């Protein structure tokens, strides 16, 4: 569970740093959420 939380925090951080628009942030957060959801199902 700690790994998933850490991954989520890092993903959000990189999403905010790596894109230039609010729309881009939303897309990055959505992609990160999908990856976290996939990891949680394993």
N, C-alpha and C. Protein backbone atom coordinates (compact mmCIF):
# COMPACT_ATOMS: atom_id res chain seq x y z
N UNK A 1 0.83 -1.20 0.00
CA UNK A 1 0.00 0.00 0.00
C UNK A 1 0.87 1.26 0.00
N UNK A 2 2.00 1.21 0.71
CA UNK A 2 2.89 2.37 0.74
C UNK A 2 3.47 2.66 -0.64
N UNK A 3 3.75 1.60 -1.40
CA UNK A 3 4.30 1.78 -2.74
C UNK A 3 3.28 2.46 -3.64
N UNK A 4 2.02 2.09 -3.53
CA UNK A 4 0.97 2.69 -4.35
C UNK A 4 0.82 4.16 -4.00
N UNK A 5 0.85 4.48 -2.72
CA UNK A 5 0.74 5.87 -2.28
C UNK A 5 1.91 6.69 -2.80
N UNK A 6 3.11 6.15 -2.67
CA UNK A 6 4.30 6.84 -3.16
C UNK A 6 4.22 7.05 -4.67
N UNK A 7 3.80 6.02 -5.38
CA UNK A 7 3.65 6.13 -6.83
C UNK A 7 2.65 7.21 -7.19
N UNK A 8 1.56 7.29 -6.47
CA UNK A 8 0.54 8.30 -6.73
C UNK A 8 1.09 9.71 -6.52
N UNK A 9 1.80 9.90 -5.44
CA UNK A 9 2.38 11.21 -5.14
C UNK A 9 3.39 11.61 -6.21
N UNK A 10 4.26 10.69 -6.58
CA UNK A 10 5.25 10.98 -7.61
C UNK A 10 4.60 11.26 -8.95
N UNK A 11 3.58 10.50 -9.28
CA UNK A 11 2.89 10.69 -10.55
C UNK A 11 2.25 12.07 -10.63
N UNK A 12 1.60 12.47 -9.56
CA UNK A 12 0.96 13.79 -9.54
C UNK A 12 2.02 14.89 -9.63
N UNK A 13 3.12 14.71 -8.93
CA UNK A 13 4.19 15.70 -8.97
C UNK A 13 4.74 15.85 -10.39
N UNK A 14 5.05 14.72 -11.03
CA UNK A 14 5.57 14.78 -12.39
C UNK A 14 4.53 15.33 -13.36
N UNK A 15 3.28 15.02 -13.15
CA UNK A 15 2.22 15.53 -14.02
C UNK A 15 2.15 17.05 -13.94
N UNK A 16 2.27 17.58 -12.75
CA UNK A 16 2.20 19.03 -12.58
C UNK A 16 3.42 19.73 -13.15
N UNK A 17 4.57 19.09 -13.04
CA UNK A 17 5.80 19.69 -13.54
C UNK A 17 5.92 19.54 -15.05
N UNK A 18 5.43 18.42 -15.59
CA UNK A 18 5.69 18.09 -16.97
C UNK A 18 4.73 18.64 -18.01
N UNK A 19 3.71 19.36 -17.64
CA UNK A 19 2.79 19.86 -18.66
C UNK A 19 2.55 21.34 -18.48
N UNK A 20 2.06 21.96 -19.53
CA UNK A 20 1.96 23.42 -19.56
C UNK A 20 0.54 23.95 -19.40
N UNK A 21 -0.46 23.09 -19.52
CA UNK A 21 -1.83 23.59 -19.47
C UNK A 21 -2.65 22.82 -18.44
N UNK A 22 -3.74 23.39 -18.04
CA UNK A 22 -4.65 22.73 -17.10
C UNK A 22 -5.20 21.45 -17.73
N UNK A 23 -5.52 21.52 -19.02
CA UNK A 23 -6.01 20.33 -19.71
C UNK A 23 -4.96 19.23 -19.69
N UNK A 24 -3.71 19.59 -19.90
CA UNK A 24 -2.62 18.62 -19.87
C UNK A 24 -2.47 17.99 -18.50
N UNK A 25 -2.63 18.79 -17.45
CA UNK A 25 -2.56 18.26 -16.08
C UNK A 25 -3.64 17.22 -15.88
N UNK A 26 -4.85 17.52 -16.32
CA UNK A 26 -5.96 16.59 -16.17
C UNK A 26 -5.70 15.28 -16.89
N UNK A 27 -5.15 15.35 -18.08
CA UNK A 27 -4.84 14.13 -18.83
C UNK A 27 -3.75 13.32 -18.14
N UNK A 28 -2.72 14.00 -17.65
CA UNK A 28 -1.63 13.30 -16.96
C UNK A 28 -2.12 12.64 -15.69
N UNK A 29 -2.98 13.32 -14.94
CA UNK A 29 -3.51 12.75 -13.71
C UNK A 29 -4.39 11.53 -14.03
N UNK A 30 -5.15 11.62 -15.10
CA UNK A 30 -5.99 10.49 -15.50
C UNK A 30 -5.13 9.28 -15.85
N UNK A 31 -4.07 9.49 -16.59
CA UNK A 31 -3.17 8.39 -16.96
C UNK A 31 -2.51 7.79 -15.72
N UNK A 32 -2.08 8.65 -14.80
CA UNK A 32 -1.47 8.17 -13.57
C UNK A 32 -2.48 7.36 -12.76
N UNK A 33 -3.71 7.81 -12.70
CA UNK A 33 -4.76 7.09 -11.98
C UNK A 33 -5.02 5.73 -12.58
N UNK A 34 -4.98 5.64 -13.90
CA UNK A 34 -5.18 4.35 -14.57
C UNK A 34 -4.05 3.38 -14.22
N UNK A 35 -2.83 3.87 -14.18
CA UNK A 35 -1.69 3.02 -13.83
C UNK A 35 -1.78 2.56 -12.38
N UNK A 36 -2.18 3.45 -11.50
CA UNK A 36 -2.32 3.10 -10.08
C UNK A 36 -3.42 2.07 -9.92
N UNK A 37 -4.52 2.26 -10.64
CA UNK A 37 -5.63 1.32 -10.57
C UNK A 37 -5.18 -0.05 -11.05
N UNK A 38 -4.42 -0.10 -12.13
CA UNK A 38 -3.89 -1.36 -12.64
C UNK A 38 -2.98 -2.04 -11.64
N UNK A 39 -2.14 -1.24 -10.97
CA UNK A 39 -1.23 -1.80 -9.97
C UNK A 39 -2.00 -2.33 -8.76
N UNK A 40 -3.08 -1.64 -8.41
CA UNK A 40 -3.88 -2.07 -7.25
C UNK A 40 -4.62 -3.38 -7.52
N UNK A 41 -4.96 -3.62 -8.80
CA UNK A 41 -5.67 -4.85 -9.14
C UNK A 41 -4.77 -6.06 -9.09
N UNK A 42 -3.46 -5.84 -9.22
CA UNK A 42 -2.51 -6.95 -9.17
C UNK A 42 -2.35 -7.39 -7.78
